[in-house]
All heavy atoms as atom14 arrays in JSON, in Angstrom:
{
  "sequence": "LTEVEMGMFVHKMVGSWFDHPFWRSKFLIEDADRLRT",
  "atom14_mask": [
    [1, 1, 1, 1, 1, 1, 1, 1, 0, 0, 0, 0, 0, 0],
    [1, 1, 1, 1, 1, 1, 1, 0, 0, 0, 0, 0, 0, 0],
    [1, 1, 1, 1, 1, 1, 1, 1, 1, 0, 0, 0, 0, 0],
    [1, 1, 1, 1, 1, 1, 1, 0, 0, 0, 0, 0, 0, 0],
    [1, 1, 1, 1, 1, 1, 1, 1, 1, 0, 0, 0, 0, 0],
    [1, 1, 1, 1, 1, 1, 1, 1, 0, 0, 0, 0, 0, 0],
    [1, 1, 1, 1, 0, 0, 0, 0, 0, 0, 0, 0, 0, 0],
    [1, 1, 1, 1, 1, 1, 1, 1, 0, 0, 0, 0, 0, 0],
    [1, 1, 1, 1, 1, 1, 1, 1, 1, 1, 1, 0, 0, 0],
    [1, 1, 1, 1, 1, 1, 1, 0, 0, 0, 0, 0, 0, 0],
    [1, 1, 1, 1, 1, 1, 1, 1, 1, 1, 0, 0, 0, 0],
    [1, 1, 1, 1, 1, 1, 1, 1, 1, 0, 0, 0, 0, 0],
    [1, 1, 1, 1, 1, 1, 1, 1, 0, 0, 0, 0, 0, 0],
    [1, 1, 1, 1, 1, 1, 1, 0, 0, 0, 0, 0, 0, 0],
    [1, 1, 1, 1, 0, 0, 0, 0, 0, 0, 0, 0, 0, 0],
    [1, 1, 1, 1, 1, 1, 0, 0, 0, 0, 0, 0, 0, 0],
    [1, 1, 1, 1, 1, 1, 1, 1, 1, 1, 1, 1, 1, 1],
    [1, 1, 1, 1, 1, 1, 1, 1, 1, 1, 1, 0, 0, 0],
    [1, 1, 1, 1, 1, 1, 1, 1, 0, 0, 0, 0, 0, 0],
    [1, 1, 1, 1, 1, 1, 1, 1, 1, 1, 0, 0, 0, 0],
    [1, 1, 1, 1, 1, 1, 1, 0, 0, 0, 0, 0, 0, 0],
    [1, 1, 1, 1, 1, 1, 1, 1, 1, 1, 1, 0, 0, 0],
    [1, 1, 1, 1, 1, 1, 1, 1, 1, 1, 1, 1, 1, 1],
    [1, 1, 1, 1, 1, 1, 1, 1, 1, 1, 1, 0, 0, 0],
    [1, 1, 1, 1, 1, 1, 0, 0, 0, 0, 0, 0, 0, 0],
    [1, 1, 1, 1, 1, 1, 1, 1, 1, 0, 0, 0, 0, 0],
    [1, 1, 1, 1, 1, 1, 1, 1, 1, 1, 1, 0, 0, 0],
    [1, 1, 1, 1, 1, 1, 1, 1, 0, 0, 0, 0, 0, 0],
    [1, 1, 1, 1, 1, 1, 1, 1, 0, 0, 0, 0, 0, 0],
    [1, 1, 1, 1, 1, 1, 1, 1, 1, 0, 0, 0, 0, 0],
    [1, 1, 1, 1, 1, 1, 1, 1, 0, 0, 0, 0, 0, 0],
    [1, 1, 1, 1, 1, 0, 0, 0, 0, 0, 0, 0, 0, 0],
    [1, 1, 1, 1, 1, 1, 1, 1, 0, 0, 0, 0, 0, 0],
    [1, 1, 1, 1, 1, 1, 1, 1, 1, 1, 1, 0, 0, 0],
    [1, 1, 1, 1, 1, 1, 1, 1, 0, 0, 0, 0, 0, 0],
    [1, 1, 1, 1, 1, 1, 1, 1, 1, 1, 1, 0, 0, 0],
    [1, 1, 1, 1, 1, 1, 1, 0, 0, 0, 0, 0, 0, 0]
  ],
  "atom14_positions": [
    [[-2.14, -41.31, -33.07], [-1.63, -41.54, -34.45], [-0.39, -42.45, -34.46], [-0.22, -43.14, -35.47], [-1.32, -40.19, -35.12], [-2.54, -39.28, -35.35], [-2.07, -37.98, -36.0], [-3.62, -39.94, -36.09], [0.0, 0.0, 0.0], [0.0, 0.0, 0.0], [0.0, 0.0, 0.0], [0.0, 0.0, 0.0], [0.0, 0.0, 0.0], [0.0, 0.0, 0.0]],
    [[0.37, -42.4, -33.43], [1.58, -43.2, -33.35], [1.26, -44.73, -33.24], [2.13, -45.54, -33.39], [2.5, -42.72, -32.18], [1.71, -42.76, -30.99], [3.09, -41.35, -32.39], [0.0, 0.0, 0.0], [0.0, 0.0, 0.0], [0.0, 0.0, 0.0], [0.0, 0.0, 0.0], [0.0, 0.0, 0.0], [0.0, 0.0, 0.0], [0.0, 0.0, 0.0]],
    [[0.03, -45.02, -32.83], [-0.33, -46.38, -32.66], [-1.11, -46.95, -33.89], [-1.42, -48.21, -33.9], [-1.29, -46.55, -31.44], [-0.63, -46.08, -30.09], [-1.66, -46.13, -28.94], [-2.59, -45.34, -28.96], [-1.5, -47.06, -28.14], [0.0, 0.0, 0.0], [0.0, 0.0, 0.0], [0.0, 0.0, 0.0], [0.0, 0.0, 0.0], [0.0, 0.0, 0.0]],
    [[-1.34, -46.14, -34.84], [-2.02, -46.59, -36.04], [-1.15, -47.48, -36.85], [0.04, -47.21, -37.07], [-2.49, -45.42, -36.88], [-3.16, -45.86, -38.15], [-3.38, -44.48, -36.11], [0.0, 0.0, 0.0], [0.0, 0.0, 0.0], [0.0, 0.0, 0.0], [0.0, 0.0, 0.0], [0.0, 0.0, 0.0], [0.0, 0.0, 0.0], [0.0, 0.0, 0.0]],
    [[-1.71, -48.66, -37.29], [-0.94, -49.65, -38.02], [-1.68, -50.07, -39.31], [-2.92, -49.86, -39.43], [-0.62, -50.83, -37.21], [0.26, -50.5, -35.97], [0.5, -51.78, -35.11], [0.16, -52.88, -35.54], [1.13, -51.64, -34.07], [0.0, 0.0, 0.0], [0.0, 0.0, 0.0], [0.0, 0.0, 0.0], [0.0, 0.0, 0.0], [0.0, 0.0, 0.0]],
    [[-0.97, -50.74, -40.17], [-1.57, -51.38, -41.39], [-2.64, -52.38, -40.86], [-2.39, -53.11, -39.92], [-0.47, -52.06, -42.19], [0.52, -51.1, -42.78], [-0.1, -50.29, -44.3], [0.04, -51.61, -45.49], [0.0, 0.0, 0.0], [0.0, 0.0, 0.0], [0.0, 0.0, 0.0], [0.0, 0.0, 0.0], [0.0, 0.0, 0.0], [0.0, 0.0, 0.0]],
    [[-3.74, -52.47, -41.63], [-4.74, -53.48, -41.25], [-5.84, -52.94, -40.39], [-6.84, -53.64, -40.11], [0.0, 0.0, 0.0], [0.0, 0.0, 0.0], [0.0, 0.0, 0.0], [0.0, 0.0, 0.0], [0.0, 0.0, 0.0], [0.0, 0.0, 0.0], [0.0, 0.0, 0.0], [0.0, 0.0, 0.0], [0.0, 0.0, 0.0], [0.0, 0.0, 0.0]],
    [[-5.62, -51.71, -39.74], [-6.67, -51.13, -38.87], [-7.78, -50.47, -39.72], [-7.5, -50.05, -40.83], [-6.05, -50.07, -37.98], [-5.18, -50.65, -36.92], [-4.58, -49.32, -35.77], [-3.79, -50.28, -34.43], [0.0, 0.0, 0.0], [0.0, 0.0, 0.0], [0.0, 0.0, 0.0], [0.0, 0.0, 0.0], [0.0, 0.0, 0.0], [0.0, 0.0, 0.0]],
    [[-8.95, -50.58, -39.19], [-10.1, -49.92, -39.87], [-10.43, -48.69, -39.18], [-10.84, -48.6, -37.95], [-11.36, -50.85, -39.87], [-12.47, -50.27, -40.62], [-12.57, -50.57, -42.04], [-13.47, -49.43, -40.1], [-13.65, -50.02, -42.73], [-14.47, -48.95, -40.83], [-14.57, -49.27, -42.16], [0.0, 0.0, 0.0], [0.0, 0.0, 0.0], [0.0, 0.0, 0.0]],
    [[-10.23, -47.5, -39.84], [-10.51, -46.2, -39.26], [-12.02, -45.91, -39.35], [-12.61, -45.93, -40.38], [-9.75, -45.07, -40.03], [-10.12, -43.74, -39.51], [-8.26, -45.32, -39.89], [0.0, 0.0, 0.0], [0.0, 0.0, 0.0], [0.0, 0.0, 0.0], [0.0, 0.0, 0.0], [0.0, 0.0, 0.0], [0.0, 0.0, 0.0], [0.0, 0.0, 0.0]],
    [[-12.6, -45.68, -38.2], [-14.03, -45.46, -38.11], [-14.3, -43.96, -38.07], [-15.35, -43.53, -38.6], [-14.64, -46.11, -36.78], [-16.05, -45.81, -36.57], [-17.09, -46.43, -37.22], [-16.65, -44.91, -35.71], [-18.23, -45.99, -36.8], [-18.01, -45.01, -35.91], [0.0, 0.0, 0.0], [0.0, 0.0, 0.0], [0.0, 0.0, 0.0], [0.0, 0.0, 0.0]],
    [[-13.43, -43.15, -37.49], [-13.66, -41.7, -37.42], [-12.36, -41.02, -37.09], [-11.5, -41.58, -36.43], [-14.68, -41.44, -36.27], [-15.03, -40.0, -36.12], [-16.11, -39.79, -35.02], [-16.5, -38.32, -34.84], [-17.48, -38.07, -33.74], [0.0, 0.0, 0.0], [0.0, 0.0, 0.0], [0.0, 0.0, 0.0], [0.0, 0.0, 0.0], [0.0, 0.0, 0.0]],
    [[-12.23, -39.75, -37.65], [-11.1, -38.94, -37.33], [-11.37, -38.09, -36.12], [-12.51, -37.61, -35.95], [-10.77, -38.02, -38.48], [-10.58, -38.69, -39.82], [-9.08, -39.62, -39.95], [-9.23, -40.26, -41.66], [0.0, 0.0, 0.0], [0.0, 0.0, 0.0], [0.0, 0.0, 0.0], [0.0, 0.0, 0.0], [0.0, 0.0, 0.0], [0.0, 0.0, 0.0]],
    [[-10.37, -37.88, -35.28], [-10.54, -37.08, -34.08], [-9.82, -35.74, -34.26], [-8.59, -35.79, -34.35], [-10.06, -37.76, -32.84], [-10.26, -36.88, -31.52], [-10.71, -39.06, -32.6], [0.0, 0.0, 0.0], [0.0, 0.0, 0.0], [0.0, 0.0, 0.0], [0.0, 0.0, 0.0], [0.0, 0.0, 0.0], [0.0, 0.0, 0.0], [0.0, 0.0, 0.0]],
    [[-10.52, -34.71, -34.42], [-9.92, -33.37, -34.62], [-10.67, -32.58, -35.65], [-11.85, -32.92, -36.02], [0.0, 0.0, 0.0], [0.0, 0.0, 0.0], [0.0, 0.0, 0.0], [0.0, 0.0, 0.0], [0.0, 0.0, 0.0], [0.0, 0.0, 0.0], [0.0, 0.0, 0.0], [0.0, 0.0, 0.0], [0.0, 0.0, 0.0], [0.0, 0.0, 0.0]],
    [[-10.15, -31.4, -36.01], [-10.82, -30.52, -36.93], [-10.98, -31.08, -38.35], [-10.04, -31.78, -38.79], [-10.05, -29.14, -37.02], [-10.48, -28.44, -38.12], [0.0, 0.0, 0.0], [0.0, 0.0, 0.0], [0.0, 0.0, 0.0], [0.0, 0.0, 0.0], [0.0, 0.0, 0.0], [0.0, 0.0, 0.0], [0.0, 0.0, 0.0], [0.0, 0.0, 0.0]],
    [[-12.03, -30.87, -38.97], [-12.28, -31.35, -40.36], [-11.16, -30.81, -41.3], [-10.75, -31.54, -42.22], [-13.63, -30.82, -40.85], [-13.94, -31.28, -42.22], [-13.7, -30.63, -43.39], [-14.55, -32.58, -42.58], [-14.08, -31.43, -44.52], [-14.65, -32.57, -44.04], [-15.08, -33.58, -41.82], [-15.2, -33.66, -44.67], [-15.63, -34.67, -42.57], [-15.75, -34.69, -43.96]],
    [[-10.66, -29.62, -41.08], [-9.64, -29.07, -41.96], [-8.25, -29.68, -41.75], [-7.34, -29.45, -42.46], [-9.58, -27.55, -41.85], [-10.77, -26.89, -42.52], [-11.89, -26.49, -41.77], [-10.78, -26.71, -43.86], [-12.98, -25.96, -42.37], [-11.86, -26.19, -44.53], [-12.94, -25.68, -43.78], [0.0, 0.0, 0.0], [0.0, 0.0, 0.0], [0.0, 0.0, 0.0]],
    [[-8.11, -30.49, -40.66], [-6.91, -31.3, -40.56], [-7.1, -32.7, -40.92], [-6.19, -33.49, -40.93], [-6.52, -31.26, -39.0], [-6.05, -29.87, -38.54], [-5.43, -29.14, -39.37], [-6.41, -29.5, -37.34], [0.0, 0.0, 0.0], [0.0, 0.0, 0.0], [0.0, 0.0, 0.0], [0.0, 0.0, 0.0], [0.0, 0.0, 0.0], [0.0, 0.0, 0.0]],
    [[-8.26, -32.97, -41.42], [-8.63, -34.26, -41.97], [-7.9, -34.62, -43.22], [-8.04, -33.91, -44.2], [-10.15, -34.3, -42.25], [-10.74, -35.64, -42.57], [-10.14, -36.53, -43.43], [-11.9, -36.15, -42.19], [-10.97, -37.61, -43.54], [-12.03, -37.39, -42.77], [0.0, 0.0, 0.0], [0.0, 0.0, 0.0], [0.0, 0.0, 0.0], [0.0, 0.0, 0.0]],
    [[-6.99, -35.64, -43.28], [-6.13, -35.83, -44.47], [-6.83, -36.59, -45.59], [-6.26, -36.76, -46.67], [-4.99, -36.64, -43.92], [-5.55, -37.39, -42.76], [-6.62, -36.53, -42.21], [0.0, 0.0, 0.0], [0.0, 0.0, 0.0], [0.0, 0.0, 0.0], [0.0, 0.0, 0.0], [0.0, 0.0, 0.0], [0.0, 0.0, 0.0], [0.0, 0.0, 0.0]],
    [[-8.07, -37.07, -45.36], [-8.76, -37.87, -46.41], [-10.18, -37.3, -46.53], [-10.76, -36.78, -45.56], [-8.77, -39.36, -46.04], [-7.43, -39.93, -45.82], [-7.02, -40.26, -44.49], [-6.55, -40.19, -46.86], [-5.8, -40.77, -44.24], [-5.3, -40.68, -46.61], [-4.92, -41.01, -45.31], [0.0, 0.0, 0.0], [0.0, 0.0, 0.0], [0.0, 0.0, 0.0]],
    [[-10.74, -37.51, -47.78], [-12.14, -37.14, -47.99], [-13.04, -38.09, -47.25], [-14.05, -37.72, -46.65], [-12.46, -37.07, -49.47], [-13.85, -36.76, -49.69], [-14.87, -37.57, -50.15], [-14.5, -35.46, -49.56], [-16.01, -36.92, -50.28], [-15.81, -35.6, -49.94], [-14.01, -34.17, -49.13], [-16.77, -34.55, -49.9], [-14.88, -33.19, -49.08], [-16.21, -33.32, -49.49]],
    [[-12.71, -39.41, -47.26], [-13.52, -40.45, -46.59], [-13.12, -40.53, -45.14], [-11.9, -40.5, -44.85], [-13.37, -41.75, -47.33], [-13.76, -41.76, -48.8], [-13.39, -43.04, -49.45], [-14.11, -44.22, -48.89], [-13.88, -45.48, -49.28], [-13.02, -45.72, -50.14], [-14.57, -46.46, -48.63], [0.0, 0.0, 0.0], [0.0, 0.0, 0.0], [0.0, 0.0, 0.0]],
    [[-14.01, -40.66, -44.26], [-13.69, -40.74, -42.85], [-13.59, -42.24, -42.36], [-13.14, -42.47, -41.23], [-14.68, -40.0, -42.05], [-16.01, -40.51, -42.24], [0.0, 0.0, 0.0], [0.0, 0.0, 0.0], [0.0, 0.0, 0.0], [0.0, 0.0, 0.0], [0.0, 0.0, 0.0], [0.0, 0.0, 0.0], [0.0, 0.0, 0.0], [0.0, 0.0, 0.0]],
    [[-14.03, -43.2, -43.18], [-14.12, -44.58, -42.8], [-13.35, -45.37, -43.93], [-13.78, -45.34, -45.04], [-15.51, -45.1, -42.55], [-16.26, -44.42, -41.48], [-17.67, -45.01, -41.24], [-18.45, -44.29, -40.19], [-19.79, -44.87, -40.03], [0.0, 0.0, 0.0], [0.0, 0.0, 0.0], [0.0, 0.0, 0.0], [0.0, 0.0, 0.0], [0.0, 0.0, 0.0]],
    [[-12.3, -46.14, -43.48], [-11.65, -46.87, -44.49], [-10.65, -47.87, -43.78], [-10.26, -47.66, -42.66], [-10.83, -46.0, -45.46], [-9.89, -45.07, -44.78], [-8.58, -45.43, -44.49], [-10.25, -43.76, -44.47], [-7.67, -44.6, -43.83], [-9.37, -42.89, -43.82], [-8.11, -43.3, -43.58], [0.0, 0.0, 0.0], [0.0, 0.0, 0.0], [0.0, 0.0, 0.0]],
    [[-10.26, -48.84, -44.5], [-9.24, -49.81, -44.08], [-7.87, -49.39, -44.52], [-7.7, -49.07, -45.69], [-9.56, -51.21, -44.58], [-8.6, -52.36, -44.19], [-8.81, -52.62, -42.69], [-8.94, -53.61, -45.01], [0.0, 0.0, 0.0], [0.0, 0.0, 0.0], [0.0, 0.0, 0.0], [0.0, 0.0, 0.0], [0.0, 0.0, 0.0], [0.0, 0.0, 0.0]],
    [[-6.9, -49.34, -43.62], [-5.58, -48.96, -43.99], [-4.85, -50.13, -44.61], [-4.52, -51.11, -44.02], [-4.78, -48.46, -42.73], [-5.49, -47.4, -41.99], [-3.38, -47.99, -43.15], [-4.89, -46.91, -40.67], [0.0, 0.0, 0.0], [0.0, 0.0, 0.0], [0.0, 0.0, 0.0], [0.0, 0.0, 0.0], [0.0, 0.0, 0.0], [0.0, 0.0, 0.0]],
    [[-4.67, -49.96, -45.96], [-4.17, -51.06, -46.73], [-2.84, -50.71, -47.44], [-2.22, -51.56, -48.05], [-5.19, -51.55, -47.76], [-6.44, -52.01, -47.19], [-7.55, -52.43, -48.25], [-8.01, -51.52, -48.99], [-7.71, -53.63, -48.42], [0.0, 0.0, 0.0], [0.0, 0.0, 0.0], [0.0, 0.0, 0.0], [0.0, 0.0, 0.0], [0.0, 0.0, 0.0]],
    [[-2.46, -49.42, -47.46], [-1.17, -49.12, -48.16], [-0.36, -48.15, -47.28], [-0.84, -47.45, -46.49], [-1.44, -48.55, -49.52], [-2.22, -47.19, -49.43], [-1.54, -46.22, -49.25], [-3.44, -47.21, -49.57], [0.0, 0.0, 0.0], [0.0, 0.0, 0.0], [0.0, 0.0, 0.0], [0.0, 0.0, 0.0], [0.0, 0.0, 0.0], [0.0, 0.0, 0.0]],
    [[0.99, -48.24, -47.58], [1.92, -47.47, -46.76], [1.67, -45.93, -46.88], [1.99, -45.2, -45.87], [3.36, -47.8, -47.12], [0.0, 0.0, 0.0], [0.0, 0.0, 0.0], [0.0, 0.0, 0.0], [0.0, 0.0, 0.0], [0.0, 0.0, 0.0], [0.0, 0.0, 0.0], [0.0, 0.0, 0.0], [0.0, 0.0, 0.0], [0.0, 0.0, 0.0]],
    [[1.41, -45.53, -48.12], [1.21, -44.1, -48.37], [0.06, -43.53, -47.48], [0.18, -42.43, -46.82], [0.92, -43.78, -49.8], [2.14, -43.96, -50.63], [3.27, -43.91, -50.11], [2.0, -44.13, -51.89], [0.0, 0.0, 0.0], [0.0, 0.0, 0.0], [0.0, 0.0, 0.0], [0.0, 0.0, 0.0], [0.0, 0.0, 0.0], [0.0, 0.0, 0.0]],
    [[-1.02, -44.23, -47.45], [-2.21, -43.73, -46.61], [-1.84, -43.74, -45.1], [-2.12, -42.85, -44.35], [-3.35, -44.67, -46.89], [-4.57, -44.31, -45.94], [-5.85, -45.01, -46.55], [-6.27, -44.37, -47.75], [-7.48, -44.56, -48.29], [-8.35, -45.46, -47.75], [-7.86, -43.96, -49.39], [0.0, 0.0, 0.0], [0.0, 0.0, 0.0], [0.0, 0.0, 0.0]],
    [[-0.98, -44.84, -44.69], [-0.68, -44.85, -43.33], [0.31, -43.73, -42.92], [0.11, -43.04, -41.94], [0.1, -46.19, -42.98], [0.64, -46.37, -41.6], [-0.38, -46.34, -40.53], [1.43, -47.64, -41.54], [0.0, 0.0, 0.0], [0.0, 0.0, 0.0], [0.0, 0.0, 0.0], [0.0, 0.0, 0.0], [0.0, 0.0, 0.0], [0.0, 0.0, 0.0]],
    [[1.23, -43.41, -43.82], [2.15, -42.29, -43.61], [1.41, -40.92, -43.57], [1.69, -40.13, -42.69], [3.23, -42.26, -44.69], [4.31, -41.21, -44.42], [5.44, -41.28, -45.44], [5.01, -41.05, -46.8], [4.86, -42.09, -47.7], [5.18, -43.31, -47.34], [4.47, -41.86, -48.91], [0.0, 0.0, 0.0], [0.0, 0.0, 0.0], [0.0, 0.0, 0.0]],
    [[0.51, -40.72, -44.49], [-0.34, -39.49, -44.55], [-1.1, -39.3, -43.3], [-1.17, -38.21, -42.75], [-1.24, -39.57, -45.72], [-0.53, -39.67, -46.96], [-2.08, -38.23, -45.81], [0.0, 0.0, 0.0], [0.0, 0.0, 0.0], [0.0, 0.0, 0.0], [0.0, 0.0, 0.0], [0.0, 0.0, 0.0], [0.0, 0.0, 0.0], [0.0, 0.0, 0.0]]
  ]
}
């Protein structure tokens, strides 16, 4: 998580579904709020 940066495309979350901070599991990181979350 410390290596995640703006502009990366998240393909999958690694960990428990209940620790998943987003409903969608695939998305492009385009805003600071999403990156911080």
